Amino acid sequence: MAERNGRTVRDLRRANRAAVLQRLYFDGPLSRFELGPATGLSSGSVSNVVADLVADGLVEEAGSVDSDGGRPRTLLRVAPGSGHMIGVDVGETRVRIELFDLTLTELARAERPLGQRRYDVDVIAGHIRDGVAEVTDSAGIDPARLLGVGIGVPGIVEHTPQRGAVVHGQTIGWDAVPLEELLRAGSPLPDTVRYFIDNGARTLGQAEMWFGGGRGARNAVVVLFGSGVGACLVTPEVEHGRAVEWGHLTVRVRGRRCRCGALGCLEAYAGAESLLERWREEGGRPPEDADEETALTAMLAAAYPAGGGTADPAALAVLEETAEYLGAGLSDLINLFQPERILIGGWAGLQLGSGFLPAVREHAAAYALRHPAEQVTIDLGRLGPDAVTVGAAILPLADFFARGGRRPETTPEGPAPAWRTVLEERAGR
């Protein structure tokens, strides 16, 4: 049966379930009385939806609170064990796979180092498949019961109806790689469990906007500072966040060659790979056969020796120059988008830490227009090194909300609301 606006009764029930689930998830525990004004539903609708969600095992009681002269009100919350998601970070030094319960508490993890920057697609697809099997086995979770697997990858992600997610990762040699299709080949997961693939900077941004330093902001930029640099832009016009190839903004005409092949990209000066390369050119000596994370640790120790030792002038000069390039790059984002907040995450950003920020802030303010520069704060992200995997796990979680808490195999026929809609609605709160 369809209403005049084209929505069916099934659509309405699904929307009501989604509204209650999301309010309990983000603001719970709540009583039935509180859920009414929080969701805009009548008391009768709230009671019916809650009864339905309790019967499905998605909602449980969480104590009670006194009411004004009446009977105590029972508090409700989302049941943590009623769903599980996997988040995957296809980084530039390793592949990290984490299993979460419905409240995004980590239950198991697996990591696969990538060695000497090996970006072989089949190897990475194998790491993901093996990691999914490892974490589900470790936690004793039936893979068929997963809500989905979210994956953050470097590069531009194109979603196609024929081949699913296709990745254009020019800096790592991926040219229109049908990653979703490759993962399905030999996958340990049944067809009912979906892969959700998106840019890693965007998944980082999504995590910070939902649970980290971006909460409450309408205009924000979240920077992924790793081997290269990228960013996720959130504005009222793109509330669910959009990955931007900020690292390939030209900051120096006829400058250093970037790994994308162009000259003078920001990434050629501000990414960890280029930072270490410039240190080597100036005589720096990172440990033999060290991965980038270990080498950057050594560089920081050389520039800022413990115990008041003599600093390596080359390491210090390169870091100071990097702060200026990074600040100049941020000034472009400030001038173009006028964000309230800029958050810096990624393994290299976190390693450089809060001691690096004053110089970055100073250069960003010097290169930006005065008014927007005075309105923005620049800080580190709050979710640490697991932010990309948390953000990736949010993708199947958003799909779960969009379906009103029903799994794909139990959803009645007909399209569920797009999972991106849930991201947009949540980002706008």
Protein backbone atom coordinates (compact mmCIF):
# COMPACT_ATOMS: atom_id res chain seq x y z
CA MET A 1 0.00 0.00 0.00
CA ALA A 2 1.44 3.36 -1.00
CA GLU A 3 0.82 6.74 0.57
CA ARG A 4 0.12 9.83 -1.57
CA ASN A 5 3.81 10.80 -1.57
CA GLY A 6 4.77 7.41 -2.98
CA ARG A 7 6.09 5.97 0.27
CA THR A 8 4.77 2.58 1.25
CA VAL A 9 3.85 1.42 4.75
CA ARG A 10 7.00 -0.70 4.62
CA ASP A 11 9.07 2.42 3.88
CA LEU A 12 7.46 4.21 6.82
CA ARG A 13 8.19 1.36 9.22
CA ARG A 14 11.75 1.18 8.06
CA ALA A 15 12.19 4.95 8.51
CA ASN A 16 10.67 4.79 12.01
CA ARG A 17 12.97 1.93 13.00
CA ALA A 18 15.96 3.81 11.63
CA ALA A 19 15.02 6.97 13.54
CA VAL A 20 14.72 5.14 16.87
CA LEU A 21 17.90 3.12 16.33
CA GLN A 22 19.97 6.18 15.50
CA ARG A 23 18.72 8.18 18.48
CA LEU A 24 19.46 5.31 20.84
CA TYR A 25 22.83 4.74 19.21
CA PHE A 26 24.08 8.32 19.41
CA ASP A 27 22.18 9.69 22.40
CA GLY A 28 21.18 6.64 24.43
CA PRO A 29 20.36 5.23 26.80
CA LEU A 30 16.95 6.88 26.48
CA SER A 31 13.47 6.12 27.77
CA ARG A 32 10.46 5.63 25.55
CA PHE A 33 9.20 8.99 26.82
CA GLU A 34 12.42 10.71 25.65
CA LEU A 35 12.39 8.96 22.28
CA GLY A 36 9.14 10.68 21.27
CA PRO A 37 10.44 14.26 21.02
CA ALA A 38 13.88 13.04 19.94
CA THR A 39 12.49 11.25 16.88
CA GLY A 40 9.29 13.21 16.23
CA LEU A 41 7.24 10.02 16.53
CA SER A 42 4.05 9.60 18.53
CA SER A 43 4.17 7.64 21.80
CA GLY A 44 2.23 4.83 20.14
CA SER A 45 4.68 4.64 17.24
CA VAL A 46 7.63 4.66 19.62
CA SER A 47 6.14 1.79 21.64
CA ASN A 48 5.49 -0.27 18.52
CA VAL A 49 8.95 0.35 17.07
CA VAL A 50 10.71 -0.37 20.37
CA ALA A 51 8.77 -3.61 20.80
CA ASP A 52 9.78 -4.61 17.27
CA LEU A 53 13.47 -3.78 17.87
CA VAL A 54 13.51 -5.60 21.23
CA ALA A 55 11.95 -8.66 19.59
CA ASP A 56 14.71 -8.55 16.95
CA GLY A 57 17.37 -8.42 19.68
CA LEU A 58 18.63 -5.00 18.55
CA VAL A 59 17.54 -3.04 21.61
CA GLU A 60 17.81 -3.98 25.28
CA GLU A 61 17.00 -2.49 28.67
CA ALA A 62 19.73 -0.48 30.40
CA GLY A 63 18.37 0.32 33.85
CA SER A 64 15.80 2.92 34.82
CA VAL A 65 15.46 6.52 35.99
CA ASP A 66 12.94 8.16 38.28
CA SER A 67 10.16 10.12 36.66
CA ASP A 68 8.35 13.16 38.04
CA GLY A 69 6.14 11.49 40.62
CA GLY A 70 5.32 8.48 38.46
CA ARG A 71 6.76 5.04 37.90
CA PRO A 72 10.46 4.81 37.05
CA ARG A 73 11.14 4.95 33.34
CA THR A 74 13.00 2.11 31.71
CA LEU A 75 16.09 3.13 29.76
CA LEU A 76 16.84 1.52 26.41
CA ARG A 77 20.06 1.13 24.44
CA VAL A 78 21.29 -0.58 21.30
CA ALA A 79 22.47 -4.10 22.13
CA PRO A 80 26.24 -4.18 21.40
CA GLY A 81 26.34 -7.81 20.34
CA SER A 82 23.40 -7.58 17.95
CA GLY A 83 25.61 -6.77 14.97
CA HIS A 84 29.23 -6.84 13.84
CA MET A 85 31.16 -4.93 11.17
CA ILE A 86 34.67 -5.08 9.79
CA GLY A 87 36.74 -2.02 8.98
CA VAL A 88 39.80 -2.26 6.72
CA ASP A 89 42.53 0.33 6.21
CA VAL A 90 44.51 -0.29 3.03
CA GLY A 91 47.35 1.95 4.07
CA GLU A 92 50.62 2.64 2.36
CA THR A 93 52.68 0.64 4.84
CA ARG A 94 50.23 -2.05 5.96
CA VAL A 95 46.72 -3.44 5.67
CA ARG A 96 44.85 -3.28 8.98
CA ILE A 97 41.64 -5.28 9.52
CA GLU A 98 39.48 -4.80 12.63
CA LEU A 99 36.27 -6.45 13.78
CA PHE A 100 33.81 -4.31 15.77
CA ASP A 101 30.54 -4.89 17.57
CA LEU A 102 27.59 -2.62 16.92
CA THR A 103 28.91 0.05 19.31
CA LEU A 104 32.27 0.07 17.46
CA THR A 105 34.13 -1.66 20.28
CA GLU A 106 37.07 -3.54 18.77
CA LEU A 107 36.82 -7.32 19.17
CA ALA A 108 39.74 -8.54 17.04
CA ARG A 109 42.36 -7.22 14.64
CA ALA A 110 44.86 -8.43 12.06
CA GLU A 111 47.68 -6.55 10.34
CA ARG A 112 49.59 -7.34 7.18
CA PRO A 113 52.76 -5.26 6.54
CA LEU A 114 53.26 -4.33 2.90
CA GLY A 115 57.06 -4.60 3.00
CA GLN A 116 58.93 -2.64 0.37
CA ARG A 117 55.91 -0.67 -0.79
CA ARG A 118 54.30 -3.62 -2.58
CA TYR A 119 50.99 -2.54 -4.06
CA ASP A 120 50.27 -5.71 -6.01
CA VAL A 121 46.49 -5.77 -6.23
CA ASP A 122 46.19 -9.54 -5.82
CA VAL A 123 48.42 -9.42 -2.72
CA ILE A 124 46.33 -6.72 -1.08
CA ALA A 125 43.06 -8.45 -1.99
CA GLY A 126 44.48 -11.63 -0.44
CA HIS A 127 45.46 -9.74 2.71
CA ILE A 128 41.91 -8.44 3.05
CA ARG A 129 40.29 -11.84 2.50
CA ASP A 130 42.69 -13.57 4.90
CA GLY A 131 42.34 -10.81 7.49
CA VAL A 132 38.54 -11.02 7.40
CA ALA A 133 38.73 -14.77 7.98
CA GLU A 134 41.28 -14.31 10.78
CA VAL A 135 39.32 -11.76 12.81
CA THR A 136 36.00 -13.57 12.49
CA ASP A 137 37.63 -16.86 13.52
CA SER A 138 39.42 -15.18 16.42
CA ALA A 139 36.20 -13.68 17.79
CA GLY A 140 34.03 -16.70 16.97
CA ILE A 141 31.74 -14.67 14.71
CA ASP A 142 29.87 -16.35 11.87
CA PRO A 143 30.94 -14.40 8.73
CA ALA A 144 27.40 -14.73 7.38
CA ARG A 145 26.19 -12.59 10.28
CA LEU A 146 28.38 -9.61 9.45
CA LEU A 147 26.62 -6.37 8.57
CA GLY A 148 29.33 -5.69 5.99
CA VAL A 149 33.00 -4.97 5.40
CA GLY A 150 34.04 -1.34 4.99
CA ILE A 151 37.37 -0.62 3.26
CA GLY A 152 39.34 2.62 3.07
CA VAL A 153 41.78 2.79 0.14
CA PRO A 154 44.20 5.35 -1.33
CA GLY A 155 42.98 6.95 -4.54
CA ILE A 156 39.71 7.91 -6.18
CA VAL A 157 36.86 5.41 -5.81
CA GLU A 158 34.28 5.15 -8.57
CA HIS A 159 31.09 3.18 -7.89
CA THR A 160 29.86 1.46 -11.03
CA PRO A 161 26.70 -0.65 -11.52
CA GLN A 162 28.58 -3.27 -13.52
CA ARG A 163 31.76 -3.84 -11.51
CA GLY A 164 31.06 -2.28 -8.12
CA ALA A 165 33.81 -0.15 -6.60
CA VAL A 166 36.67 0.66 -8.98
CA VAL A 167 39.82 2.31 -7.58
CA HIS A 168 41.94 4.84 -9.46
CA GLY A 169 45.13 4.98 -7.40
CA GLN A 170 47.64 6.73 -9.63
CA THR A 171 50.28 7.14 -6.92
CA ILE A 172 50.33 3.41 -6.18
CA GLY A 173 49.99 2.21 -9.76
CA TRP A 174 46.31 1.24 -9.62
CA ASP A 175 44.55 2.07 -12.87
CA ALA A 176 40.80 1.37 -12.70
CA VAL A 177 41.25 -1.62 -10.37
CA PRO A 178 37.90 -3.43 -9.85
CA LEU A 179 38.68 -4.09 -6.19
CA GLU A 180 35.18 -5.12 -5.16
CA GLU A 181 35.01 -7.63 -7.99
CA LEU A 182 38.43 -9.03 -7.06
CA LEU A 183 37.47 -9.40 -3.42
CA ARG A 184 34.35 -11.31 -4.36
CA ALA A 185 36.45 -13.86 -6.24
CA GLY A 186 37.32 -16.48 -3.64
CA SER A 187 35.74 -14.46 -0.83
CA PRO A 188 35.04 -16.27 2.45
CA LEU A 189 31.86 -14.21 2.75
CA PRO A 190 28.41 -15.07 1.38
CA ASP A 191 26.85 -12.80 -1.23
CA THR A 192 24.55 -11.27 1.40
CA VAL A 193 27.55 -9.58 3.07
CA ARG A 194 28.50 -6.46 1.14
CA TYR A 195 31.81 -4.70 0.68
CA PHE A 196 31.70 -0.91 1.11
CA ILE A 197 34.78 0.71 -0.45
CA ASP A 198 35.71 4.37 -0.21
CA ASN A 199 38.69 6.69 -0.08
CA GLY A 200 40.72 6.39 3.13
CA ALA A 201 40.75 10.14 3.79
CA ARG A 202 36.98 10.12 3.59
CA THR A 203 36.63 7.23 6.04
CA LEU A 204 39.03 9.03 8.39
CA GLY A 205 36.92 12.16 8.05
CA GLN A 206 33.72 10.24 8.66
CA ALA A 207 35.10 8.76 11.89
CA GLU A 208 36.27 12.14 13.19
CA MET A 209 32.94 13.78 12.31
CA TRP A 210 30.86 11.08 14.01
CA PHE A 211 32.97 10.30 17.06
CA GLY A 212 36.08 12.51 17.16
CA GLY A 213 37.22 16.10 16.92
CA GLY A 214 34.73 17.03 14.20
CA ARG A 215 31.57 16.43 16.25
CA GLY A 216 29.26 19.42 16.14
CA ALA A 217 31.05 21.15 13.25
CA ARG A 218 29.25 21.91 10.00
CA ASN A 219 32.35 23.01 8.08
CA ALA A 220 35.47 20.96 8.64
CA VAL A 221 38.49 19.51 6.87
CA VAL A 222 40.09 16.28 8.05
CA VAL A 223 43.62 15.71 6.74
CA LEU A 224 45.14 12.28 6.23
CA PHE A 225 48.91 12.74 6.57
CA GLY A 226 50.73 9.51 5.81
CA SER A 227 53.16 8.53 3.06
CA GLY A 228 51.24 11.06 1.01
CA VAL A 229 48.55 13.55 2.00
CA GLY A 230 44.84 13.71 1.34
CA ALA A 231 41.82 15.38 2.86
CA CYS A 232 38.11 14.99 3.49
CA LEU A 233 35.99 18.10 3.12
CA VAL A 234 32.71 18.47 5.04
CA THR A 235 30.47 21.48 4.33
CA PRO A 236 26.70 22.02 4.40
CA GLU A 237 26.75 21.28 0.66
CA VAL A 238 28.62 17.97 1.10
CA GLU A 239 27.58 16.97 4.59
CA HIS A 240 28.59 13.32 4.24
CA GLY A 241 32.14 14.37 3.33
CA ARG A 242 34.01 14.34 0.06
CA ALA A 243 37.56 13.13 -0.46
CA VAL A 244 39.68 15.72 -2.24
CA GLU A 245 43.06 15.05 -3.84
CA TRP A 246 44.58 17.87 -1.84
CA GLY A 247 48.05 16.30 -1.97
CA HIS A 248 48.17 16.98 -5.71
CA LEU A 249 47.56 20.68 -5.44
CA THR A 250 50.50 22.47 -7.13
CA VAL A 251 52.49 24.43 -4.55
CA ARG A 252 55.62 25.06 -6.59
CA VAL A 253 55.75 25.52 -10.34
CA ARG A 254 58.39 23.22 -11.89
CA GLY A 255 59.07 21.88 -8.40
CA ARG A 256 59.97 18.41 -7.18
CA ARG A 257 58.49 15.49 -9.07
CA CYS A 258 55.60 13.90 -7.20
CA ARG A 259 55.03 10.16 -7.24
CA CYS A 260 51.90 10.87 -9.30
CA GLY A 261 54.25 12.06 -12.07
CA ALA A 262 53.47 15.78 -11.92
CA LEU A 263 55.83 18.53 -10.74
CA GLY A 264 55.46 20.61 -7.60
CA CYS A 265 52.58 18.80 -5.84
CA LEU A 266 52.07 19.41 -2.13
CA GLU A 267 52.64 15.69 -1.58
CA ALA A 268 56.14 16.03 -3.05
CA TYR A 269 57.00 18.28 -0.09
CA ALA A 270 54.63 17.41 2.75
CA GLY A 271 54.12 13.63 2.57
CA ALA A 272 56.19 11.36 4.81
CA GLU A 273 57.78 9.68 1.80
CA SER A 274 59.05 12.97 0.40
CA LEU A 275 60.01 14.24 3.85
CA LEU A 276 62.31 11.23 4.36
CA GLU A 277 63.65 11.47 0.82
CA ARG A 278 64.64 15.12 1.36
CA TRP A 279 66.35 14.17 4.63
CA ARG A 280 68.39 11.52 2.83
CA GLU A 281 69.36 14.05 0.16
CA GLU A 282 70.71 16.29 2.94
CA GLY A 283 72.79 13.47 4.41
CA GLY A 284 70.27 11.94 6.80
CA ARG A 285 70.65 8.25 7.58
CA PRO A 286 67.49 6.42 8.63
CA PRO A 287 67.97 2.81 9.82
CA GLU A 288 68.79 0.31 7.08
CA ASP A 289 65.74 -1.43 5.57
CA ALA A 290 63.44 0.50 7.92
CA ASP A 291 59.82 1.01 6.95
CA GLU A 292 58.54 4.57 6.69
CA GLU A 293 57.09 4.68 10.19
CA THR A 294 60.38 3.55 11.75
CA ALA A 295 62.37 5.92 9.55
CA LEU A 296 60.19 8.89 10.51
CA THR A 297 60.62 8.02 14.18
CA ALA A 298 64.39 8.07 13.66
CA MET A 299 64.19 11.41 11.88
CA LEU A 300 62.18 12.97 14.70
CA ALA A 301 64.66 11.63 17.25
CA ALA A 302 67.50 13.18 15.23
CA ALA A 303 65.76 16.56 14.98
CA TYR A 304 64.61 16.64 18.60
CA PRO A 305 67.11 14.51 20.57
CA ALA A 306 66.15 13.42 24.07
CA GLY A 307 68.16 14.74 26.97
CA GLY A 308 69.19 17.96 25.25
CA GLY A 309 71.59 16.39 22.76
CA THR A 310 72.74 18.05 19.55
CA ALA A 311 70.01 18.19 16.91
CA ASP A 312 70.63 17.03 13.35
CA PRO A 313 70.41 20.35 11.46
CA ALA A 314 69.35 18.65 8.22
CA ALA A 315 66.46 16.81 9.88
CA LEU A 316 65.38 19.96 11.68
CA ALA A 317 65.51 22.07 8.49
CA VAL A 318 63.47 19.55 6.51
CA LEU A 319 60.82 19.35 9.24
CA GLU A 320 60.61 23.14 9.44
CA GLU A 321 60.21 23.37 5.66
CA THR A 322 57.56 20.64 5.76
CA ALA A 323 55.61 22.61 8.37
CA GLU A 324 55.65 25.62 6.06
CA TYR A 325 54.47 23.65 3.03
CA LEU A 326 51.77 21.96 5.07
CA GLY A 327 50.63 25.31 6.48
CA ALA A 328 50.58 26.84 3.01
CA GLY A 329 48.53 23.91 1.74
CA LEU A 330 46.08 24.33 4.62
CA SER A 331 45.77 28.03 3.78
CA ASP A 332 44.34 27.09 0.39
CA LEU A 333 41.68 24.97 2.10
CA ILE A 334 40.97 27.83 4.52
CA ASN A 335 40.57 30.37 1.72
CA LEU A 336 38.48 28.09 -0.49
CA PHE A 337 36.15 26.48 2.07
CA GLN A 338 36.39 28.58 5.25
CA PRO A 339 36.16 25.59 7.63
CA GLU A 340 35.50 25.89 11.37
CA ARG A 341 37.99 23.14 12.11
CA ILE A 342 40.92 21.40 10.52
CA LEU A 343 41.94 18.06 12.01
CA ILE A 344 45.20 16.33 11.14
CA GLY A 345 45.29 12.54 11.33
CA GLY A 346 47.10 9.66 9.67
CA TRP A 347 50.11 7.81 11.04
CA ALA A 348 52.63 10.50 10.06
CA GLY A 349 50.46 13.35 11.36
CA LEU A 350 50.10 11.56 14.68
CA GLN A 351 53.84 10.84 14.88
CA LEU A 352 54.70 14.48 14.26
CA GLY A 353 52.23 15.27 17.02
CA SER A 354 51.23 18.39 18.87
CA GLY A 355 54.78 19.79 18.90
CA PHE A 356 54.59 20.21 15.12
CA LEU A 357 51.27 22.09 15.16
CA PRO A 358 52.34 25.59 16.32
CA ALA A 359 54.56 26.04 13.26
CA VAL A 360 51.84 24.66 10.96
CA ARG A 361 49.27 27.04 12.46
CA GLU A 362 51.62 29.98 12.12
CA HIS A 363 52.30 29.31 8.44
CA ALA A 364 48.63 28.61 7.68
CA ALA A 365 47.67 31.97 9.19
CA ALA A 366 50.46 33.78 7.33
CA TYR A 367 49.40 32.41 3.92
CA ALA A 368 45.60 32.56 4.39
CA LEU A 369 43.24 35.50 4.25
CA ARG A 370 42.96 37.05 7.69
CA HIS A 371 39.22 36.70 8.33
CA PRO A 372 38.81 32.95 7.54
CA ALA A 373 42.13 32.22 9.26
CA GLU A 374 40.80 33.79 12.45
CA GLN A 375 37.71 31.56 12.38
CA VAL A 376 39.44 28.16 12.09
CA THR A 377 41.11 25.90 14.64
CA ILE A 378 43.85 23.44 13.62
CA ASP A 379 44.32 20.39 15.84
CA LEU A 380 45.20 16.71 15.75
CA GLY A 381 42.43 14.18 15.19
CA ARG A 382 41.21 12.47 18.35
CA LEU A 383 40.75 8.87 17.23
CA GLY A 384 44.37 7.82 16.85
CA PRO A 385 45.83 5.35 14.37
CA ASP A 386 42.63 3.30 14.07
CA ALA A 387 40.52 6.18 12.75
CA VAL A 388 40.49 4.93 9.14
CA THR A 389 39.29 1.45 10.15
CA VAL A 390 36.63 2.95 12.44
CA GLY A 391 35.48 5.17 9.59
CA ALA A 392 35.44 2.23 7.20
CA ALA A 393 33.28 0.24 9.64
CA ILE A 394 30.85 3.17 9.74
CA LEU A 395 29.96 2.48 6.08
CA PRO A 396 28.17 -0.86 6.74
CA LEU A 397 26.82 0.59 9.98
CA ALA A 398 25.18 3.44 8.03
CA ASP A 399 23.71 0.89 5.63
CA PHE A 400 22.32 -1.03 8.61
CA PHE A 401 20.65 2.13 9.90
CA ALA A 402 19.29 2.91 6.43
CA ARG A 403 17.63 -0.50 6.38
CA GLY A 404 15.99 0.15 9.72
CA GLY A 405 18.21 -2.39 11.44
CA ARG A 406 17.40 -5.21 9.05
CA ARG A 407 20.09 -7.25 7.39
CA PRO A 408 20.14 -7.43 3.59
CA GLU A 409 18.88 -11.00 3.52
CA THR A 410 15.91 -10.12 5.75
CA THR A 411 14.99 -6.83 4.11
CA PRO A 412 11.71 -7.13 2.14
CA GLU A 413 11.93 -6.69 -1.58
CA GLY A 414 12.44 -3.15 -2.75
CA PRO A 415 15.38 -0.78 -2.43
CA ALA A 416 16.48 0.34 1.01
CA PRO A 417 17.36 4.01 1.49
CA ALA A 418 20.87 4.76 0.31
CA TRP A 419 23.45 4.34 3.07
CA ARG A 420 24.98 7.64 2.04
CA THR A 421 21.75 9.36 3.15
CA VAL A 422 22.40 8.26 6.72
CA LEU A 423 25.92 9.69 6.53
CA GLU A 424 24.52 12.97 5.26
CA GLU A 425 21.83 13.16 7.93
CA ARG A 426 24.26 12.37 10.72
CA ALA A 427 26.89 14.84 9.48
CA GLY A 428 24.31 17.59 9.50
CA ARG A 429 23.48 17.22 13.19
